[in-house]
């Protein structure tokens, strides 16, 4: 019974977030320079939060809040990876 909880527990969620972060980073490294720098800076900020989740012992509410922020930030990076170059120029001007 303990093994089942281990598969679907908190550690699993953090590993899943780390894996998604790694995939985004690999895709970012393939992009051209101005876009890559912006995305890498965002990913570095996300990694700080991920390290907090992995290394520190924090209460459940704070842990859930940080995990949700990481999920949202990763989705934002994914959208920026999918966006065309022209779309990014328009966003920068606003």
PDB file of N, CA and C in Angstrom:
ATOM      1  N   UNK A   1       0.823  -1.192   0.000  1.00  0.00           N
ATOM      2  CA  UNK A   1       0.000   0.000   0.000  1.00  0.00           C
ATOM      3  C   UNK A   1       0.863   1.251   0.000  1.00  0.00           C
ATOM      4  N   UNK A   2       1.990   1.207   0.690  1.00  0.00           N
ATOM      5  CA  UNK A   2       2.879   2.360   0.769  1.00  0.00           C
ATOM      6  C   UNK A   2       3.442   2.693  -0.616  1.00  0.00           C
ATOM      7  N   UNK A   3       3.717   1.713  -1.399  1.00  0.00           N
ATOM      8  CA  UNK A   3       4.271   1.952  -2.731  1.00  0.00           C
ATOM      9  C   UNK A   3       3.285   2.693  -3.627  1.00  0.00           C
ATOM     10  N   UNK A   4       2.021   2.429  -3.497  1.00  0.00           N
ATOM     11  CA  UNK A   4       1.011   3.124  -4.296  1.00  0.00           C
ATOM     12  C   UNK A   4       1.025   4.614  -3.963  1.00  0.00           C
ATOM     13  N   UNK A   5       1.110   4.944  -2.696  1.00  0.00           N
ATOM     14  CA  UNK A   5       1.155   6.345  -2.306  1.00  0.00           C
ATOM     15  C   UNK A   5       2.433   7.007  -2.811  1.00  0.00           C
ATOM     16  N   UNK A   6       3.510   6.254  -2.874  1.00  0.00           N
ATOM     17  CA  UNK A   6       4.766   6.791  -3.379  1.00  0.00           C
ATOM     18  C   UNK A   6       4.681   7.162  -4.850  1.00  0.00           C
ATOM     19  N   UNK A   7       3.888   6.419  -5.591  1.00  0.00           N
ATOM     20  CA  UNK A   7       3.743   6.719  -7.018  1.00  0.00           C
ATOM     21  C   UNK A   7       2.952   7.988  -7.262  1.00  0.00           C
ATOM     22  N   UNK A   8       1.983   8.249  -6.429  1.00  0.00           N
ATOM     23  CA  UNK A   8       1.096   9.373  -6.673  1.00  0.00           C
ATOM     24  C   UNK A   8       1.208  10.466  -5.612  1.00  0.00           C
ATOM     25  N   UNK A   9       2.269  10.452  -4.856  1.00  0.00           N
ATOM     26  CA  UNK A   9       2.432  11.412  -3.785  1.00  0.00           C
ATOM     27  C   UNK A   9       3.087  12.700  -4.246  1.00  0.00           C
ATOM     28  N   UNK A  10       3.545  13.437  -3.261  1.00  0.00           N
ATOM     29  CA  UNK A  10       4.139  14.746  -3.522  1.00  0.00           C
ATOM     30  C   UNK A  10       5.407  14.643  -4.361  1.00  0.00           C
ATOM     31  N   UNK A  11       6.253  13.655  -4.078  1.00  0.00           N
ATOM     32  CA  UNK A  11       7.502  13.493  -4.812  1.00  0.00           C
ATOM     33  C   UNK A  11       7.274  13.284  -6.291  1.00  0.00           C
ATOM     34  N   UNK A  12       6.223  12.559  -6.607  1.00  0.00           N
ATOM     35  CA  UNK A  12       5.890  12.319  -8.017  1.00  0.00           C
ATOM     36  C   UNK A  12       5.558  13.623  -8.731  1.00  0.00           C
ATOM     37  N   UNK A  13       4.821  14.482  -8.058  1.00  0.00           N
ATOM     38  CA  UNK A  13       4.439  15.761  -8.667  1.00  0.00           C
ATOM     39  C   UNK A  13       5.660  16.642  -8.923  1.00  0.00           C
ATOM     40  N   UNK A  14       6.581  16.661  -7.984  1.00  0.00           N
ATOM     41  CA  UNK A  14       7.787  17.471  -8.138  1.00  0.00           C
ATOM     42  C   UNK A  14       8.662  16.918  -9.257  1.00  0.00           C
ATOM     43  N   UNK A  15       8.791  15.588  -9.328  1.00  0.00           N
ATOM     44  CA  UNK A  15       9.578  14.979 -10.414  1.00  0.00           C
ATOM     45  C   UNK A  15       8.960  15.279 -11.768  1.00  0.00           C
ATOM     46  N   UNK A  16       7.644  15.263 -11.834  1.00  0.00           N
ATOM     47  CA  UNK A  16       6.943  15.566 -13.073  1.00  0.00           C
ATOM     48  C   UNK A  16       7.192  17.019 -13.500  1.00  0.00           C
ATOM     49  N   UNK A  17       7.154  17.949 -12.543  1.00  0.00           N
ATOM     50  CA  UNK A  17       7.439  19.350 -12.841  1.00  0.00           C
ATOM     51  C   UNK A  17       8.875  19.520 -13.322  1.00  0.00           C
ATOM     52  N   UNK A  18       9.816  18.828 -12.685  1.00  0.00           N
ATOM     53  CA  UNK A  18      11.221  18.920 -13.078  1.00  0.00           C
ATOM     54  C   UNK A  18      11.413  18.393 -14.501  1.00  0.00           C
ATOM     55  N   UNK A  19      10.728  17.318 -14.815  1.00  0.00           N
ATOM     56  CA  UNK A  19      10.834  16.736 -16.153  1.00  0.00           C
ATOM     57  C   UNK A  19      10.292  17.702 -17.206  1.00  0.00           C
ATOM     58  N   UNK A  20       9.157  18.341 -16.922  1.00  0.00           N
ATOM     59  CA  UNK A  20       8.594  19.323 -17.851  1.00  0.00           C
ATOM     60  C   UNK A  20       9.529  20.516 -18.018  1.00  0.00           C
ATOM     61  N   UNK A  21      10.150  20.936 -16.913  1.00  0.00           N
ATOM     62  CA  UNK A  21      11.099  22.047 -16.956  1.00  0.00           C
ATOM     63  C   UNK A  21      12.298  21.674 -17.836  1.00  0.00           C
ATOM     64  N   UNK A  22      12.813  20.449 -17.672  1.00  0.00           N
ATOM     65  CA  UNK A  22      13.952  19.982 -18.463  1.00  0.00           C
ATOM     66  C   UNK A  22      13.626  19.978 -19.955  1.00  0.00           C
ATOM     67  N   UNK A  23      12.452  19.518 -20.300  1.00  0.00           N
ATOM     68  CA  UNK A  23      12.050  19.489 -21.712  1.00  0.00           C
ATOM     69  C   UNK A  23      11.970  20.894 -22.293  1.00  0.00           C
ATOM     70  N   UNK A  24      11.411  21.822 -21.533  1.00  0.00           N
ATOM     71  CA  UNK A  24      11.341  23.210 -22.006  1.00  0.00           C
ATOM     72  C   UNK A  24      12.733  23.789 -22.189  1.00  0.00           C
ATOM     73  N   UNK A  25      13.634  23.476 -21.281  1.00  0.00           N
ATOM     74  CA  UNK A  25      14.998  23.989 -21.383  1.00  0.00           C
ATOM     75  C   UNK A  25      15.700  23.439 -22.619  1.00  0.00           C
ATOM     76  N   UNK A  26      15.509  22.163 -22.906  1.00  0.00           N
ATOM     77  CA  UNK A  26      16.117  21.568 -24.097  1.00  0.00           C
ATOM     78  C   UNK A  26      15.594  22.246 -25.361  1.00  0.00           C
ATOM     79  N   UNK A  27      14.310  22.502 -25.420  1.00  0.00           N
ATOM     80  CA  UNK A  27      13.724  23.163 -26.589  1.00  0.00           C
ATOM     81  C   UNK A  27      14.197  24.608 -26.700  1.00  0.00           C
ATOM     82  N   UNK A  28      14.381  25.258 -25.563  1.00  0.00           N
ATOM     83  CA  UNK A  28      14.838  26.645 -25.561  1.00  0.00           C
ATOM     84  C   UNK A  28      16.253  26.760 -26.107  1.00  0.00           C
ATOM     85  N   UNK A  29      17.098  25.803 -25.774  1.00  0.00           N
ATOM     86  CA  UNK A  29      18.486  25.857 -26.226  1.00  0.00           C
ATOM     87  C   UNK A  29      18.606  25.748 -27.747  1.00  0.00           C
ATOM     88  N   UNK A  30      17.572  25.275 -28.414  1.00  0.00           N
ATOM     89  CA  UNK A  30      17.582  25.158 -29.873  1.00  0.00           C
ATOM     90  C   UNK A  30      17.129  26.430 -30.578  1.00  0.00           C
ATOM     91  N   UNK A  31      16.629  27.406 -29.815  1.00  0.00           N
ATOM     92  CA  UNK A  31      16.107  28.646 -30.405  1.00  0.00           C
ATOM     93  C   UNK A  31      17.237  29.634 -30.681  1.00  0.00           C
ATOM     94  N   UNK A  32      16.923  30.657 -31.493  1.00  0.00           N
ATOM     95  CA  UNK A  32      17.911  31.689 -31.810  1.00  0.00           C
ATOM     96  C   UNK A  32      18.108  32.636 -30.628  1.00  0.00           C
ATOM     97  N   UNK A  33      19.146  33.463 -30.704  1.00  0.00           N
ATOM     98  CA  UNK A  33      19.669  34.172 -29.536  1.00  0.00           C
ATOM     99  C   UNK A  33      18.732  35.118 -28.792  1.00  0.00           C
ATOM    100  N   UNK A  34      18.130  36.133 -29.351  1.00  0.00           N
ATOM    101  CA  UNK A  34      17.387  37.036 -28.445  1.00  0.00           C
ATOM    102  C   UNK A  34      16.246  36.328 -27.712  1.00  0.00           C
ATOM    103  N   UNK A  35      15.610  35.421 -28.406  1.00  0.00           N
ATOM    104  CA  UNK A  35      14.502  34.662 -27.821  1.00  0.00           C
ATOM    105  C   UNK A  35      15.019  33.684 -26.764  1.00  0.00           C
ATOM    106  N   UNK A  36      16.150  33.047 -27.066  1.00  0.00           N
ATOM    107  CA  UNK A  36      16.718  32.064 -26.152  1.00  0.00           C
ATOM    108  C   UNK A  36      17.094  32.721 -24.818  1.00  0.00           C
ATOM    109  N   UNK A  37      17.691  33.889 -24.869  1.00  0.00           N
ATOM    110  CA  UNK A  37      18.108  34.564 -23.639  1.00  0.00           C
ATOM    111  C   UNK A  37      16.908  34.875 -22.751  1.00  0.00           C
ATOM    112  N   UNK A  38      15.840  35.383 -23.351  1.00  0.00           N
ATOM    113  CA  UNK A  38      14.634  35.718 -22.585  1.00  0.00           C
ATOM    114  C   UNK A  38      14.045  34.465 -21.931  1.00  0.00           C
ATOM    115  N   UNK A  39      13.948  33.391 -22.709  1.00  0.00           N
ATOM    116  CA  UNK A  39      13.369  32.155 -22.183  1.00  0.00           C
ATOM    117  C   UNK A  39      14.254  31.532 -21.109  1.00  0.00           C
ATOM    118  N   UNK A  40      15.556  31.578 -21.291  1.00  0.00           N
ATOM    119  CA  UNK A  40      16.455  31.008 -20.289  1.00  0.00           C
ATOM    120  C   UNK A  40      16.372  31.769 -18.970  1.00  0.00           C
ATOM    121  N   UNK A  41      16.189  33.078 -19.035  1.00  0.00           N
ATOM    122  CA  UNK A  41      16.027  33.844 -17.805  1.00  0.00           C
ATOM    123  C   UNK A  41      14.755  33.438 -17.071  1.00  0.00           C
ATOM    124  N   UNK A  42      13.673  33.244 -17.824  1.00  0.00           N
ATOM    125  CA  UNK A  42      12.421  32.789 -17.209  1.00  0.00           C
ATOM    126  C   UNK A  42      12.601  31.399 -16.590  1.00  0.00           C
ATOM    127  N   UNK A  43      13.265  30.519 -17.322  1.00  0.00           N
ATOM    128  CA  UNK A  43      13.480  29.166 -16.824  1.00  0.00           C
ATOM    129  C   UNK A  43      14.373  29.156 -15.579  1.00  0.00           C
ATOM    130  N   UNK A  44      15.317  30.071 -15.491  1.00  0.00           N
ATOM    131  CA  UNK A  44      16.158  30.148 -14.299  1.00  0.00           C
ATOM    132  C   UNK A  44      15.336  30.544 -13.075  1.00  0.00           C
ATOM    133  N   UNK A  45      14.403  31.490 -13.261  1.00  0.00           N
ATOM    134  CA  UNK A  45      13.535  31.883 -12.144  1.00  0.00           C
ATOM    135  C   UNK A  45      12.634  30.720 -11.722  1.00  0.00           C
ATOM    136  N   UNK A  46      12.167  29.952 -12.696  1.00  0.00           N
ATOM    137  CA  UNK A  46      11.330  28.792 -12.386  1.00  0.00           C
ATOM    138  C   UNK A  46      12.145  27.744 -11.633  1.00  0.00           C
ATOM    139  N   UNK A  47      13.405  27.569 -12.035  1.00  0.00           N
ATOM    140  CA  UNK A  47      14.241  26.558 -11.378  1.00  0.00           C
ATOM    141  C   UNK A  47      14.465  26.873  -9.904  1.00  0.00           C
ATOM    142  N   UNK A  48      14.560  28.153  -9.571  1.00  0.00           N
ATOM    143  CA  UNK A  48      14.718  28.520  -8.159  1.00  0.00           C
ATOM    144  C   UNK A  48      13.532  28.014  -7.341  1.00  0.00           C
ATOM    145  N   UNK A  49      12.340  28.171  -7.892  1.00  0.00           N
ATOM    146  CA  UNK A  49      11.143  27.684  -7.195  1.00  0.00           C
ATOM    147  C   UNK A  49      11.149  26.157  -7.117  1.00  0.00           C
ATOM    148  N   UNK A  50      11.569  25.515  -8.206  1.00  0.00           N
ATOM    149  CA  UNK A  50      11.628  24.057  -8.209  1.00  0.00           C
ATOM    150  C   UNK A  50      12.609  23.539  -7.160  1.00  0.00           C
ATOM    151  N   UNK A  51      13.756  24.183  -7.043  1.00  0.00           N
ATOM    152  CA  UNK A  51      14.735  23.777  -6.038  1.00  0.00           C
ATOM    153  C   UNK A  51      14.166  23.937  -4.637  1.00  0.00           C
ATOM    154  N   UNK A  52      13.383  24.989  -4.438  1.00  0.00           N
ATOM    155  CA  UNK A  52      12.735  25.175  -3.136  1.00  0.00           C
ATOM    156  C   UNK A  52      11.828  23.988  -2.827  1.00  0.00           C
ATOM    157  N   UNK A  53      11.061  23.558  -3.816  1.00  0.00           N
ATOM    158  CA  UNK A  53      10.160  22.417  -3.614  1.00  0.00           C
ATOM    159  C   UNK A  53      10.936  21.133  -3.338  1.00  0.00           C
ATOM    160  N   UNK A  54      12.055  20.954  -4.029  1.00  0.00           N
ATOM    161  CA  UNK A  54      12.812  19.708  -3.898  1.00  0.00           C
ATOM    162  C   UNK A  54      13.611  19.628  -2.596  1.00  0.00           C
ATOM    163  N   UNK A  55      14.158  20.758  -2.151  1.00  0.00           N
ATOM    164  CA  UNK A  55      15.135  20.716  -1.070  1.00  0.00           C
ATOM    165  C   UNK A  55      14.611  21.135   0.294  1.00  0.00           C
ATOM    166  N   UNK A  56      13.614  22.008   0.325  1.00  0.00           N
ATOM    167  CA  UNK A  56      13.178  22.528   1.607  1.00  0.00           C
ATOM    168  C   UNK A  56      11.930  21.822   2.114  1.00  0.00           C
ATOM    169  N   UNK A  57      11.828  21.786   3.412  1.00  0.00           N
ATOM    170  CA  UNK A  57      10.644  21.232   4.059  1.00  0.00           C
ATOM    171  C   UNK A  57       9.717  22.397   4.402  1.00  0.00           C
ATOM    172  N   UNK A  58       8.633  22.524   3.647  1.00  0.00           N
ATOM    173  CA  UNK A  58       7.685  23.617   3.867  1.00  0.00           C
ATOM    174  C   UNK A  58       6.290  23.035   4.059  1.00  0.00           C
ATOM    175  N   UNK A  59       5.386  23.859   4.585  1.00  0.00           N
ATOM    176  CA  UNK A  59       4.045  23.341   4.860  1.00  0.00           C
ATOM    177  C   UNK A  59       3.265  23.085   3.558  1.00  0.00           C
ATOM    178  N   UNK A  60       2.196  22.381   3.703  1.00  0.00           N
ATOM    179  CA  UNK A  60       1.424  21.915   2.553  1.00  0.00           C
ATOM    180  C   UNK A  60       0.869  23.058   1.715  1.00  0.00           C
ATOM    181  N   UNK A  61       0.338  24.093   2.341  1.00  0.00           N
ATOM    182  CA  UNK A  61      -0.265  25.210   1.601  1.00  0.00           C
ATOM    183  C   UNK A  61       0.784  25.956   0.784  1.00  0.00           C
ATOM    184  N   UNK A  62       1.931  26.243   1.378  1.00  0.00           N
ATOM    185  CA  UNK A  62       2.995  26.943   0.659  1.00  0.00           C
ATOM    186  C   UNK A  62       3.538  26.082  -0.474  1.00  0.00           C
ATOM    187  N   UNK A  63       3.657  24.796  -0.212  1.00  0.00           N
ATOM    188  CA  UNK A  63       4.149  23.855  -1.219  1.00  0.00           C
ATOM    189  C   UNK A  63       3.205  23.809  -2.417  1.00  0.00           C
ATOM    190  N   UNK A  64       1.913  23.753  -2.152  1.00  0.00           N
ATOM    191  CA  UNK A  64       0.921  23.714  -3.231  1.00  0.00           C
ATOM    192  C   UNK A  64       0.929  25.021  -4.027  1.00  0.00           C
ATOM    193  N   UNK A  65       1.079  26.129  -3.340  1.00  0.00           N
ATOM    194  CA  UNK A  65       1.101  27.427  -4.012  1.00  0.00           C
ATOM    195  C   UNK A  65       2.305  27.543  -4.949  1.00  0.00           C
ATOM    196  N   UNK A  66       3.472  27.155  -4.456  1.00  0.00           N
ATOM    197  CA  UNK A  66       4.675  27.226  -5.280  1.00  0.00           C
ATOM    198  C   UNK A  66       4.577  26.275  -6.461  1.00  0.00           C
ATOM    199  N   UNK A  67       4.046  25.087  -6.240  1.00  0.00           N
ATOM    200  CA  UNK A  67       3.901  24.115  -7.322  1.00  0.00           C
ATOM    201  C   UNK A  67       2.967  24.649  -8.411  1.00  0.00           C
ATOM    202  N   UNK A  68       1.893  25.289  -8.015  1.00  0.00           N
ATOM    203  CA  UNK A  68       0.954  25.855  -8.986  1.00  0.00           C
ATOM    204  C   UNK A  68       1.618  26.982  -9.778  1.00  0.00           C
ATOM    205  N   UNK A  69       2.404  27.821  -9.105  1.00  0.00           N
ATOM    206  CA  UNK A  69       3.126  28.895  -9.789  1.00  0.00           C
ATOM    207  C   UNK A  69       4.093  28.321 -10.815  1.00  0.00           C
ATOM    208  N   UNK A  70       4.776  27.235 -10.459  1.00  0.00           N
ATOM    209  CA  UNK A  70       5.721  26.595 -11.375  1.00  0.00           C
ATOM    210  C   UNK A  70       4.974  26.052 -12.590  1.00  0.00           C
ATOM    211  N   UNK A  71       3.837  25.401 -12.364  1.00  0.00           N
ATOM    212  CA  UNK A  71       3.043  24.881 -13.481  1.00  0.00           C
ATOM    213  C   UNK A  71       2.632  25.989 -14.434  1.00  0.00           C
ATOM    214  N   UNK A  72       2.145  27.083 -13.894  1.00  0.00           N
ATOM    215  CA  UNK A  72       1.702  28.215 -14.720  1.00  0.00           C
ATOM    216  C   UNK A  72       2.873  28.802 -15.492  1.00  0.00           C
ATOM    217  N   UNK A  73       4.015  28.963 -14.824  1.00  0.00           N
ATOM    218  CA  UNK A  73       5.191  29.526 -15.482  1.00  0.00           C
ATOM    219  C   UNK A  73       5.701  28.618 -16.602  1.00  0.00           C
ATOM    220  N   UNK A  74       5.678  27.323 -16.381  1.00  0.00           N
ATOM    221  CA  UNK A  74       6.120  26.392 -17.420  1.00  0.00           C
ATOM    222  C   UNK A  74       5.187  26.458 -18.623  1.00  0.00           C
ATOM    223  N   UNK A  75       3.885  26.549 -18.380  1.00  0.00           N
ATOM    224  CA  UNK A  75       2.935  26.676 -19.486  1.00  0.00           C
ATOM    225  C   UNK A  75       3.177  27.966 -20.269  1.00  0.00           C
ATOM    226  N   UNK A  76       3.514  29.029 -19.572  1.00  0.00           N
ATOM    227  CA  UNK A  76       3.817  30.297 -20.229  1.00  0.00           C
ATOM    228  C   UNK A  76       5.040  30.157 -21.136  1.00  0.00           C
ATOM    229  N   UNK A  77       6.068  29.471 -20.643  1.00  0.00           N
ATOM    230  CA  UNK A  77       7.269  29.248 -21.454  1.00  0.00           C
ATOM    231  C   UNK A  77       6.936  28.393 -22.672  1.00  0.00           C
ATOM    232  N   UNK A  78       6.090  27.385 -22.491  1.00  0.00           N
ATOM    233  CA  UNK A  78       5.692  26.547 -23.621  1.00  0.00           C
ATOM    234  C   UNK A  78       4.993  27.368 -24.699  1.00  0.00           C
ATOM    235  N   UNK A  79       4.132  28.279 -24.270  1.00  0.00           N
ATOM    236  CA  UNK A  79       3.431  29.137 -25.231  1.00  0.00           C
ATOM    237  C   UNK A  79       4.410  30.055 -25.959  1.00  0.00           C
ATOM    238  N   UNK A  80       5.395  30.570 -25.243  1.00  0.00           N
ATOM    239  CA  UNK A  80       6.403  31.413 -25.878  1.00  0.00           C
ATOM    240  C   UNK A  80       7.254  30.614 -26.860  1.00  0.00           C
ATOM    241  N   UNK A  81       7.487  29.344 -26.558  1.00  0.00           N
ATOM    242  CA  UNK A  81       8.226  28.497 -27.482  1.00  0.00           C
ATOM    243  C   UNK A  81       7.441  28.264 -28.767  1.00  0.00           C
ATOM    244  N   UNK A  82       6.124  28.140 -28.642  1.00  0.00           N
ATOM    245  CA  UNK A  82       5.270  27.904 -29.805  1.00  0.00           C
ATOM    246  C   UNK A  82       5.026  29.164 -30.621  1.00  0.00           C
ATOM    247  N   UNK A  83       5.131  30.328 -29.985  1.00  0.00           N
ATOM    248  CA  UNK A  83       4.800  31.595 -30.637  1.00  0.00           C
ATOM    249  C   UNK A  83       5.759  31.871 -31.791  1.00  0.00           C
ATOM    250  N   UNK A  84       5.235  32.511 -32.794  1.00  0.00           N
ATOM    251  CA  UNK A  84       6.042  32.904 -33.943  1.00  0.00           C
ATOM    252  C   UNK A  84       6.890  34.114 -33.591  1.00  0.00           C
ATOM    253  N   UNK A  85       7.917  34.345 -34.354  1.00  0.00           N
ATOM    254  CA  UNK A  85       8.828  35.458 -34.094  1.00  0.00           C
ATOM    255  C   UNK A  85       8.101  36.800 -34.181  1.00  0.00           C
ATOM    256  N   UNK A  86       7.179  36.956 -35.126  1.00  0.00           N
ATOM    257  CA  UNK A  86       6.446  38.202 -35.306  1.00  0.00           C
ATOM    258  C   UNK A  86       5.556  38.493 -34.093  1.00  0.00           C
ATOM    259  N   UNK A  87       4.960  37.463 -33.514  1.00  0.00           N
ATOM    260  CA  UNK A  87       4.117  37.644 -32.343  1.00  0.00           C
ATOM    261  C   UNK A  87       4.907  38.172 -31.155  1.00  0.00           C
ATOM    262  N   UNK A  88       6.135  37.707 -31.012  1.00  0.00           N
ATOM    263  CA  UNK A  88       6.968  38.159 -29.904  1.00  0.00           C
ATOM    264  C   UNK A  88       7.366  39.623 -30.064  1.00  0.00           C
ATOM    265  N   UNK A  89       7.584  40.061 -31.284  1.00  0.00           N
ATOM    266  CA  UNK A  89       7.961  41.460 -31.521  1.00  0.00           C
ATOM    267  C   UNK A  89       6.790  42.371 -31.150  1.00  0.00           C
ATOM    268  N   UNK A  90       5.588  41.984 -31.484  1.00  0.00           N
ATOM    269  CA  UNK A  90       4.399  42.779 -31.157  1.00  0.00           C
ATOM    270  C   UNK A  90       4.232  42.875 -29.648  1.00  0.00           C
ATOM    271  N   UNK A  91       4.430  41.781 -28.922  1.00  0.00           N
ATOM    272  CA  UNK A  91       4.298  41.778 -27.470  1.00  0.00           C
ATOM    273  C   UNK A  91       5.346  42.673 -26.825  1.00  0.00           C
ATOM    274  N   UNK A  92       6.563  42.690 -27.363  1.00  0.00           N
ATOM    275  CA  UNK A  92       7.629  43.513 -26.781  1.00  0.00           C
ATOM    276  C   UNK A  92       7.346  44.991 -26.931  1.00  0.00           C
ATOM    277  N   UNK A  93       6.668  45.401 -27.994  1.00  0.00           N
ATOM    278  CA  UNK A  93       6.414  46.810 -28.241  1.00  0.00           C
ATOM    279  C   UNK A  93       5.324  47.357 -27.330  1.00  0.00           C
ATOM    280  N   UNK A  94       4.436  46.518 -26.848  1.00  0.00           N
ATOM    281  CA  UNK A  94       3.320  46.987 -26.018  1.00  0.00           C
ATOM    282  C   UNK A  94       3.729  47.296 -24.621  1.00  0.00           C
TER     283      UNK A  94
END
